[in-house]
Protein backbone atom coordinates (compact mmCIF):
# COMPACT_ATOMS: atom_id res chain seq x y z
CA UNK A 1 11.45 -7.15 -2.08
CA UNK A 2 8.48 -6.87 -4.59
CA UNK A 3 7.88 -10.29 -5.54
CA UNK A 4 8.82 -11.87 -2.17
CA UNK A 5 5.19 -12.81 -1.07
CA UNK A 6 5.69 -14.79 1.61
CA UNK A 7 4.53 -14.09 5.27
CA UNK A 8 7.52 -15.18 7.22
CA UNK A 9 8.58 -18.43 8.73
CA UNK A 10 6.72 -21.08 10.93
CA UNK A 11 8.18 -19.29 13.71
CA UNK A 12 5.97 -16.24 13.00
CA UNK A 13 2.95 -18.09 14.06
CA UNK A 14 1.44 -18.10 17.41
CA UNK A 15 0.38 -21.48 17.39
CA UNK A 16 1.90 -24.68 16.04
CA UNK A 17 1.15 -25.86 12.99
CA UNK A 18 -0.42 -28.93 13.96
CA UNK A 19 -2.90 -26.86 16.34
CA UNK A 20 -4.08 -24.60 13.38
CA UNK A 21 -4.54 -27.56 10.94
CA UNK A 22 -6.63 -29.59 13.56
CA UNK A 23 -8.61 -26.68 14.46
CA UNK A 24 -9.25 -25.74 10.79
CA UNK A 25 -10.28 -29.41 9.87
CA UNK A 26 -12.69 -29.46 12.99
CA UNK A 27 -14.07 -26.21 11.97
CA UNK A 28 -14.83 -27.57 8.53
CA UNK A 29 -16.51 -30.92 9.84
CA UNK A 30 -18.22 -29.21 12.46
CA UNK A 31 -19.85 -26.69 9.99
CA UNK A 32 -20.32 -29.61 7.52
CA UNK A 33 -22.43 -31.31 10.19
CA UNK A 34 -24.15 -28.35 11.23
CA UNK A 35 -25.54 -27.40 7.71
CA UNK A 36 -26.38 -31.07 7.23
CA UNK A 37 -28.73 -30.88 10.08
CA UNK A 38 -29.86 -27.20 10.14
CA UNK A 39 -30.01 -26.16 6.33
CA UNK A 40 -32.51 -28.53 4.78
CA UNK A 41 -33.88 -26.14 1.88
CA UNK A 42 -31.92 -24.12 -0.66
CA UNK A 43 -31.80 -20.44 0.74
CA UNK A 44 -29.43 -18.68 -1.47
CA UNK A 45 -29.41 -16.64 -4.56
CA UNK A 46 -33.15 -15.34 -3.86
CA UNK A 47 -32.77 -11.78 -5.26
CA UNK A 48 -32.67 -8.42 -3.80
CA UNK A 49 -36.28 -7.71 -3.24
CA UNK A 50 -36.63 -8.20 0.18
CA UNK A 51 -33.27 -6.80 0.93
CA UNK A 52 -32.80 -4.25 3.76
CA UNK A 53 -31.68 -0.45 2.24
CA UNK A 54 -28.92 1.03 3.60
CA UNK A 55 -29.48 4.28 5.60
CA UNK A 56 -30.80 7.46 3.62
CA UNK A 57 -27.43 9.24 3.84
CA UNK A 58 -25.52 6.54 2.34
CA UNK A 59 -28.15 6.28 -0.88
CA UNK A 60 -25.56 8.06 -3.20
CA UNK A 61 -25.46 7.81 -6.85
CA UNK A 62 -22.70 8.96 -8.90
CA UNK A 63 -23.19 9.00 -12.90
CA UNK A 64 -21.26 6.39 -14.41
CA UNK A 65 -19.55 8.90 -16.52
CA UNK A 66 -17.68 10.43 -13.61
CA UNK A 67 -16.24 7.03 -12.46
CA UNK A 68 -14.86 6.34 -16.01
CA UNK A 69 -13.19 9.87 -16.42
CA UNK A 70 -11.76 8.80 -13.04
CA UNK A 71 -10.39 5.49 -14.55
CA UNK A 72 -8.95 7.54 -17.65
CA UNK A 73 -7.29 10.23 -15.66
CA UNK A 74 -5.66 7.55 -13.21
CA UNK A 75 -4.65 5.63 -16.17
CA UNK A 76 -2.84 8.51 -17.74
CA UNK A 77 -1.40 9.33 -14.64
CA UNK A 78 0.15 5.44 -14.02
CA UNK A 79 1.36 5.65 -17.71
CA UNK A 80 3.75 8.67 -16.85
CA UNK A 81 5.80 6.14 -15.01
CA UNK A 82 6.99 4.40 -18.42
CA UNK A 83 8.57 7.51 -19.06
CA UNK A 84 10.95 7.30 -15.82
CA UNK A 85 14.02 5.50 -15.39
CA UNK A 86 13.60 1.64 -15.08
CA UNK A 87 14.62 1.06 -11.59
CA UNK A 88 13.69 -0.32 -8.19
CA UNK A 89 12.23 3.41 -7.27
CA UNK A 90 9.74 3.55 -10.35
CA UNK A 91 6.31 2.94 -8.96
CA UNK A 92 4.88 1.07 -12.00
CA UNK A 93 5.47 -2.49 -11.25
CA UNK A 94 4.30 -1.71 -7.62
CA UNK A 95 0.93 -0.08 -8.99
CA UNK A 96 0.54 -3.28 -11.30
CA UNK A 97 1.20 -5.84 -9.00
CA UNK A 98 0.29 -4.49 -5.64
CA UNK A 99 -2.05 -1.65 -5.67
CA UNK A 100 -4.03 -2.93 -8.73
CA UNK A 101 -3.75 -6.58 -8.50
CA UNK A 102 -3.91 -7.13 -4.87
CA UNK A 103 -5.83 -4.00 -4.18
CA UNK A 104 -8.65 -4.67 -6.27
CA UNK A 105 -10.01 -7.69 -4.15
CA UNK A 106 -10.36 -5.66 -1.11
CA UNK A 107 -12.14 -2.72 -2.79
CA UNK A 108 -14.34 -5.18 -4.70
CA UNK A 109 -15.24 -6.88 -1.50
CA UNK A 110 -16.32 -3.74 0.03
CA UNK A 111 -17.88 -1.97 -3.01
CA UNK A 112 -18.80 -4.79 -5.43
CA UNK A 113 -17.39 -5.37 -8.89
CA UNK A 114 -15.80 -1.68 -9.21
CA UNK A 115 -13.40 -2.46 -12.35
CA UNK A 116 -16.36 -2.56 -14.45
CA UNK A 117 -16.75 1.24 -13.82
CA UNK A 118 -13.11 2.16 -13.81
CA UNK A 119 -11.79 0.01 -16.77
CA UNK A 120 -10.34 2.51 -19.07
CA UNK A 121 -10.62 -0.09 -22.12
CA UNK A 122 -14.57 -0.40 -21.86
CA UNK A 123 -14.63 3.24 -21.77
CA UNK A 124 -12.48 3.49 -24.82
CA UNK A 125 -14.98 1.25 -26.29
CA UNK A 126 -18.11 3.17 -25.25
CA UNK A 127 -16.81 6.49 -26.53
CA UNK A 128 -16.00 5.17 -29.86
CA UNK A 129 -18.62 2.58 -30.69
CA UNK A 130 -21.48 3.07 -27.90
CA UNK A 131 -23.24 -0.04 -27.23
CA UNK A 132 -22.78 -1.37 -30.78
CA UNK A 133 -21.36 -4.30 -31.97
CA UNK A 134 -20.17 -5.94 -35.36
CA UNK A 135 -21.48 -9.33 -34.21
CA UNK A 136 -23.25 -10.83 -31.35
CA UNK A 137 -20.97 -12.51 -28.77
CA UNK A 138 -20.98 -16.07 -28.84
CA UNK A 139 -22.46 -18.02 -25.66
CA UNK A 140 -19.53 -20.66 -26.12
CA UNK A 141 -16.88 -18.32 -25.36
CA UNK A 142 -18.25 -17.99 -21.86
CA UNK A 143 -15.53 -17.21 -19.39
CA UNK A 144 -12.58 -19.07 -21.71
CA UNK A 145 -11.02 -15.44 -22.71
CA UNK A 146 -10.88 -14.06 -19.15
CA UNK A 147 -9.53 -17.52 -18.21
CA UNK A 148 -6.71 -17.00 -20.89
CA UNK A 149 -6.01 -13.46 -19.79
CA UNK A 150 -6.03 -14.34 -16.09
CA UNK A 151 -3.36 -16.86 -16.66
CA UNK A 152 -1.47 -14.91 -18.98
CA UNK A 153 -1.18 -12.19 -16.11
CA UNK A 154 -0.28 -14.66 -13.12
CA UNK A 155 2.49 -16.15 -15.58
CA UNK A 156 3.78 -12.38 -16.08
CA UNK A 157 3.73 -11.79 -12.35
CA UNK A 158 5.12 -15.00 -11.26
CA UNK A 159 6.98 -16.59 -14.18
CA UNK A 160 8.17 -14.22 -16.62
CA UNK A 161 11.87 -13.14 -16.86
CA UNK A 162 12.33 -9.37 -16.15
CA UNK A 163 8.57 -9.20 -14.79
CA UNK A 164 9.53 -5.93 -12.78
CA UNK A 165 10.98 -3.98 -15.72
CA UNK A 166 9.15 -1.28 -17.91
CA UNK A 167 9.80 -3.23 -21.17
CA UNK A 168 8.28 -6.39 -20.07
CA UNK A 169 5.42 -4.63 -18.15
CA UNK A 170 4.68 -2.28 -20.94
CA UNK A 171 4.71 -4.95 -23.53
CA UNK A 172 2.31 -6.91 -21.55
CA UNK A 173 -0.04 -4.24 -20.79
CA UNK A 174 -0.07 -3.15 -24.42
CA UNK A 175 -0.67 -6.84 -26.08
CA UNK A 176 -3.54 -7.00 -23.40
CA UNK A 177 -5.17 -3.69 -24.44
CA UNK A 178 -5.02 -4.47 -28.15
CA UNK A 179 -6.67 -8.07 -27.39
CA UNK A 180 -9.45 -6.41 -25.04
CA UNK A 181 -10.27 -3.59 -27.36
CA UNK A 182 -10.52 -5.99 -30.56
CA UNK A 183 -13.11 -7.90 -28.70
CA UNK A 184 -14.89 -4.84 -27.64
CA UNK A 185 -15.01 -3.26 -30.98
CA UNK A 186 -16.24 -6.49 -32.45
CA UNK A 187 -18.45 -7.92 -29.81
CA UNK A 188 -19.44 -4.55 -28.09
CA UNK A 189 -19.00 -3.96 -24.37
CA UNK A 190 -20.61 -7.15 -23.30
CA UNK A 191 -17.21 -8.79 -24.25
CA UNK A 192 -15.98 -7.12 -21.11
CA UNK A 193 -18.39 -8.80 -18.81
CA UNK A 194 -16.49 -12.31 -19.16
CA UNK A 195 -13.74 -11.69 -21.66
CA UNK A 196 -11.63 -9.12 -19.43
CA UNK A 197 -9.71 -10.89 -16.86
CA UNK A 198 -9.65 -7.75 -14.66
CA UNK A 199 -13.40 -7.22 -14.91
CA UNK A 200 -14.30 -10.89 -14.11
CA UNK A 201 -11.57 -10.83 -11.16
CA UNK A 202 -13.26 -7.88 -9.48
CA UNK A 203 -16.78 -9.07 -10.39
CA UNK A 204 -15.88 -12.63 -8.54
CA UNK A 205 -14.40 -10.65 -5.42
CA UNK A 206 -17.39 -8.19 -5.64
CA UNK A 207 -20.20 -10.84 -5.51
CA UNK A 208 -19.05 -11.62 -1.64
CA UNK A 209 -19.61 -7.84 -0.84
CA UNK A 210 -22.35 -7.13 1.64
CA UNK A 211 -23.61 -4.27 -0.15
CA UNK A 212 -25.25 -4.21 -3.48
CA UNK A 213 -27.50 -2.08 -5.70
CA UNK A 214 -31.09 -3.27 -7.02
CA UNK A 215 -32.58 -2.59 -10.17
CA UNK A 216 -34.49 0.60 -9.03
CA UNK A 217 -30.91 1.99 -7.98
CA UNK A 218 -31.46 1.58 -4.23
CA UNK A 219 -28.43 0.37 -2.06
CA UNK A 220 -29.20 -2.55 0.01
CA UNK A 221 -27.42 -4.88 2.58
CA UNK A 222 -27.45 -8.51 1.23
CA UNK A 223 -26.03 -12.02 2.49
CA UNK A 224 -22.74 -12.09 0.79
CA UNK A 225 -23.42 -15.58 -0.26
CA UNK A 226 -26.85 -14.54 -2.06
CA UNK A 227 -24.21 -12.89 -4.39
CA UNK A 228 -22.07 -15.46 -5.12
CA UNK A 229 -24.89 -18.22 -5.43
CA UNK A 230 -25.81 -15.81 -8.19
CA UNK A 231 -22.75 -16.96 -10.39
CA UNK A 232 -24.28 -19.23 -12.75
CA UNK A 233 -22.29 -21.67 -14.71
CA UNK A 234 -20.68 -20.92 -18.04
CA UNK A 235 -18.16 -22.23 -20.37
CA UNK A 236 -14.76 -21.59 -19.19
CA UNK A 237 -15.65 -20.49 -15.44
CA UNK A 238 -14.17 -23.83 -13.66
CA UNK A 239 -11.08 -23.29 -15.18
CA UNK A 240 -11.22 -19.52 -14.55
CA UNK A 241 -11.54 -20.13 -10.70
CA UNK A 242 -9.05 -23.13 -10.48
CA UNK A 243 -6.42 -20.57 -12.17
CA UNK A 244 -7.24 -17.93 -9.40
CA UNK A 245 -6.84 -20.66 -6.75
CA UNK A 246 -4.01 -22.52 -8.41
CA UNK A 247 -1.80 -19.63 -9.42
CA UNK A 248 -1.89 -18.36 -5.68
CA UNK A 249 -1.07 -21.80 -4.32
CA UNK A 250 2.09 -21.78 -6.82
CA UNK A 251 3.00 -18.17 -5.75
CA UNK A 252 3.50 -19.66 -2.18
CA UNK A 253 5.27 -22.95 -3.52
CA UNK A 254 7.56 -20.72 -5.67
CA UNK A 255 8.97 -18.93 -2.43
CA UNK A 256 9.11 -22.20 -0.30
CA UNK A 257 12.98 -22.85 0.27
CA UNK A 258 12.52 -26.34 -1.27
CA UNK A 259 11.35 -25.11 -4.61
CA UNK A 260 13.99 -22.13 -4.74
CA UNK A 261 16.52 -24.91 -4.23
CA UNK A 262 15.60 -27.14 -6.75
CA UNK A 263 15.53 -24.22 -9.18
CA UNK A 264 19.05 -23.21 -8.34
CA UNK A 265 20.25 -26.49 -8.72
CA UNK A 266 18.39 -27.32 -11.97
CA UNK A 267 20.30 -26.75 -15.55
CA UNK A 268 16.89 -25.83 -17.14
CA UNK A 269 16.41 -22.15 -17.55
CA UNK A 270 14.01 -20.82 -14.33
CA UNK A 271 11.27 -19.22 -16.67
CA UNK A 272 10.86 -22.69 -18.17
CA UNK A 273 10.63 -24.69 -14.73
CA UNK A 274 8.47 -21.97 -13.40
CA UNK A 275 5.95 -22.11 -16.40
CA UNK A 276 5.99 -26.04 -15.50
CA UNK A 277 5.66 -25.57 -12.00
CA UNK A 278 2.94 -23.00 -12.32
CA UNK A 279 1.03 -25.24 -14.96
CA UNK A 280 1.55 -28.45 -12.68
CA UNK A 281 -0.14 -26.80 -9.38
CA UNK A 282 -3.22 -25.51 -11.26
CA UNK A 283 -3.73 -28.88 -13.15
CA UNK A 284 -3.36 -30.52 -9.85
CA UNK A 285 -6.07 -28.13 -8.16
CA UNK A 286 -8.46 -29.02 -11.21
CA UNK A 287 -7.85 -32.33 -11.04
CA UNK A 288 -8.72 -32.71 -7.30
CA UNK A 289 -11.53 -30.29 -7.93
CA UNK A 290 -13.11 -32.53 -11.15
CA UNK A 291 -12.47 -36.01 -9.17
CA UNK A 292 -14.29 -34.65 -6.10
CA UNK A 293 -17.09 -32.90 -8.35
CA UNK A 294 -17.54 -36.30 -10.32
CA UNK A 295 -17.74 -38.51 -6.82
CA UNK A 296 -20.24 -36.17 -5.60
CA UNK A 297 -22.60 -36.46 -8.72
CA UNK A 298 -22.31 -40.24 -8.59
CA UNK A 299 -23.07 -40.23 -4.91
CA UNK A 300 -25.69 -37.79 -4.85
CA UNK A 301 -27.10 -39.48 -7.74
CA UNK A 302 -26.99 -35.91 -9.95
CA UNK A 303 -25.62 -35.47 -13.26
CA UNK A 304 -22.06 -36.11 -12.75
CA UNK A 305 -20.87 -33.47 -15.83
CA UNK A 306 -23.01 -31.16 -14.59
CA UNK A 307 -21.81 -30.72 -11.00
CA UNK A 308 -18.61 -29.33 -11.74
CA UNK A 309 -20.03 -26.12 -13.34
CA UNK A 310 -22.94 -25.90 -10.75
CA UNK A 311 -20.28 -25.96 -7.91
CA UNK A 312 -17.57 -23.71 -9.28
CA UNK A 313 -18.79 -20.66 -7.52
CA UNK A 314 -18.01 -22.56 -3.96
CA UNK A 315 -14.46 -22.06 -4.82
CA UNK A 316 -14.29 -18.37 -5.39
CA UNK A 317 -14.41 -17.41 -1.46
CA UNK A 318 -11.52 -20.15 -0.83
CA UNK A 319 -9.43 -18.26 -3.48
CA UNK A 320 -10.34 -15.01 -2.27
CA UNK A 321 -9.53 -15.95 1.23
CA UNK A 322 -6.21 -17.20 0.29
CA UNK A 323 -5.35 -14.15 -1.89
CA UNK A 324 -6.21 -11.90 1.09
CA UNK A 325 -4.24 -14.05 3.32
CA UNK A 326 -0.99 -14.62 1.15
CA UNK A 327 -0.88 -10.92 -0.12
CA UNK A 328 -1.81 -9.33 3.06
CA UNK A 329 1.64 -8.18 4.21
CA UNK A 330 2.63 -7.36 0.66
CA UNK A 331 -0.23 -4.98 0.19
CA UNK A 332 0.34 -3.69 3.56
CA UNK A 333 4.13 -2.70 3.33
CA UNK A 334 4.48 -2.52 -0.54
CA UNK A 335 1.49 -0.50 -1.18
CA UNK A 336 2.75 2.32 1.14
CA UNK A 337 5.92 2.46 -0.52
CA UNK A 338 4.36 2.31 -4.02
CA UNK A 339 2.06 5.28 -2.89
CA UNK A 340 5.22 7.12 -1.89
CA UNK A 341 6.83 6.62 -5.09
CA UNK A 342 3.98 7.21 -7.01
CA UNK A 343 4.39 11.22 -6.11
CA UNK A 344 7.73 11.19 -8.34
CA UNK A 345 6.79 9.13 -11.16
CA UNK A 346 9.68 10.51 -13.26
CA UNK A 347 12.35 10.67 -10.46
CA UNK A 348 12.79 14.13 -10.72
CA UNK A 349 12.42 15.12 -7.18
CA UNK A 350 8.84 15.90 -7.78
CA UNK A 351 6.12 15.62 -5.25
CA UNK A 352 2.96 15.80 -7.09
CA UNK A 353 1.03 13.93 -4.60
CA UNK A 354 2.41 14.99 -1.32
CA UNK A 355 3.53 11.59 -0.55
CA UNK A 356 7.17 11.54 -0.88
CA UNK A 357 7.98 12.02 2.82
CA UNK A 358 5.78 8.85 3.61
CA UNK A 359 7.59 6.12 5.52
CA UNK A 360 6.34 2.69 5.86
CA UNK A 361 4.23 1.85 8.85
CA UNK A 362 3.23 -1.46 10.70
CA UNK A 363 -0.18 -0.25 11.82
CA UNK A 364 0.62 -1.79 15.39
CA UNK A 365 0.38 -5.30 13.64
CA UNK A 366 2.61 -8.24 15.09
CA UNK A 367 3.93 -10.79 13.16
CA UNK A 368 1.85 -13.08 15.33
CA UNK A 369 -1.28 -11.09 14.64
CA UNK A 370 -0.77 -11.09 11.01
CA UNK A 371 -0.22 -14.83 10.85
CA UNK A 372 -3.43 -15.57 13.25
CA UNK A 373 -5.29 -13.13 10.65
CA UNK A 374 -4.13 -15.02 7.54
CA UNK A 375 -5.01 -18.53 9.27
CA UNK A 376 -8.69 -17.07 10.17
CA UNK A 377 -9.00 -15.77 6.56
CA UNK A 378 -7.97 -19.02 4.97
CA UNK A 379 -10.32 -21.11 7.19
CA UNK A 380 -13.40 -18.43 6.80
CA UNK A 381 -13.12 -18.70 3.08
CA UNK A 382 -13.40 -22.71 3.04
CA UNK A 383 -16.37 -22.40 5.45
CA UNK A 384 -18.15 -20.15 3.31
CA UNK A 385 -17.16 -22.49 0.35
CA UNK A 386 -18.54 -25.23 2.28
CA UNK A 387 -21.87 -23.15 2.98
CA UNK A 388 -22.21 -22.54 -0.86
CA UNK A 389 -21.63 -26.00 -1.86
CA UNK A 390 -24.26 -27.56 0.30
CA UNK A 391 -26.85 -25.05 -0.77
CA UNK A 392 -25.99 -25.68 -4.30
CA UNK A 393 -26.25 -29.69 -3.80
CA UNK A 394 -29.57 -29.07 -2.27
CA UNK A 395 -30.79 -27.97 -5.56
CA UNK A 396 -28.72 -30.56 -7.60
CA UNK A 397 -29.43 -33.59 -5.67
CA UNK A 398 -32.21 -35.67 -4.43
CA UNK A 399 -33.03 -34.59 -0.61
CA UNK A 400 -32.28 -38.21 0.72
CA UNK A 401 -28.92 -38.19 -1.04
CA UNK A 402 -27.72 -34.32 -0.89
CA UNK A 403 -25.58 -34.80 2.20
CA UNK A 404 -23.88 -38.02 1.14
CA UNK A 405 -23.00 -36.40 -2.23
CA UNK A 406 -21.29 -33.74 -0.28
CA UNK A 407 -18.66 -36.09 1.30
CA UNK A 408 -16.40 -35.84 -1.69
CA UNK A 409 -16.69 -31.92 -1.46
CA UNK A 410 -15.87 -31.98 2.12
CA UNK A 411 -12.87 -34.09 1.39
CA UNK A 412 -11.86 -31.23 -1.54
CA UNK A 413 -12.36 -28.56 1.19
CA UNK A 414 -10.06 -30.54 3.65
CA UNK A 415 -7.53 -31.16 0.98
CA UNK A 416 -7.40 -27.56 -0.14
CA UNK A 417 -7.13 -26.12 3.58
CA UNK A 418 -4.51 -28.38 4.38
CA UNK A 419 -2.66 -27.56 1.32
CA UNK A 420 -3.17 -23.69 2.00
CA UNK A 421 -2.03 -23.78 5.69
CA UNK A 422 1.09 -26.15 4.70
CA UNK A 423 2.04 -23.40 2.07
CA UNK A 424 1.19 -20.57 4.51
CA UNK A 425 3.67 -22.07 7.24
CA UNK A 426 6.01 -23.03 4.78
CA UNK A 427 6.66 -19.65 2.71
């Protein structure tokens, strides 16, 4: 089923929950200790000037208008599905929730923030107004529009009644497009950099890409952490990354038997309970983060109000690791099914893309192998987050208190890891 994002029960895992949990915590603690002893100066976010160029045969550059044209064509093809029957074989829901929402993360991890190039709404604004704007974009807006858009989408995906039906999906996309176009026409294309939830979502994952393009156009290899360290504090950034992480955690919670039973036995409508549950999990994740960063600022003798914004980038690899782990099987299996259905969006018996005969393949992955991969991705995300937080702490705090200031952040990473693994095993 499309929205059943769970990875299977605990019995699918090749190791006991206690062993996975102990191994993850030990990995984080050892990483923290090693960073404290061996990483004593800030090393990240130094730019691309000294980065090693990719081989010459990979130094290709396609004009931006080509990618924008591709984005318009693909969007037009996607919209055909809204004229087909509203049933389970219509590919529209699979395109939105699987190929686009989930697939954008691995695509961005490999190639960088690609949605900026394909985004049809940015292209429309460029075609109509070019680079002009009616008024300058206020700095105080920051990432708040993207945070609101992201919450609206995860609410649609996880809570909204009829969320896989064409009227609901089409209505949401229409309202979102109008809001983004209004922002773009008033503030210019700069609006999309921090205002479009999907461009920001792609950019966050893309900062972990090992490939980047220098200002002179040369493609280079880079340390993925350098890209993430370049994410600077801005209004709304903390809420944005917490919504990303918290909503994915809620998705696991909503598939857990305890929550399903609670919703079934409760007299309140499920959308009301779902909205309350989604908000509760996000606020819980946010509260833990703000408490940890406040304690870190106090112990490290830094500016407590500044710490939360400065450390926000360290949450991104945790969220990305958990997203990839959580949605891996959904993308693998439902993604193949959606590609097959896309060949006949009107369901008239056509085979426009030649994929109608495709069958879902497991790619020789056993449940144990998938589960091990998911656990590994969660742990790697937390280790990368620990490294990013450590490097930024060396900038924020005096050297003699930098390690002490990170102890609350380590505890936060352990709490997030334990929670993530518990939800993974319980789903």
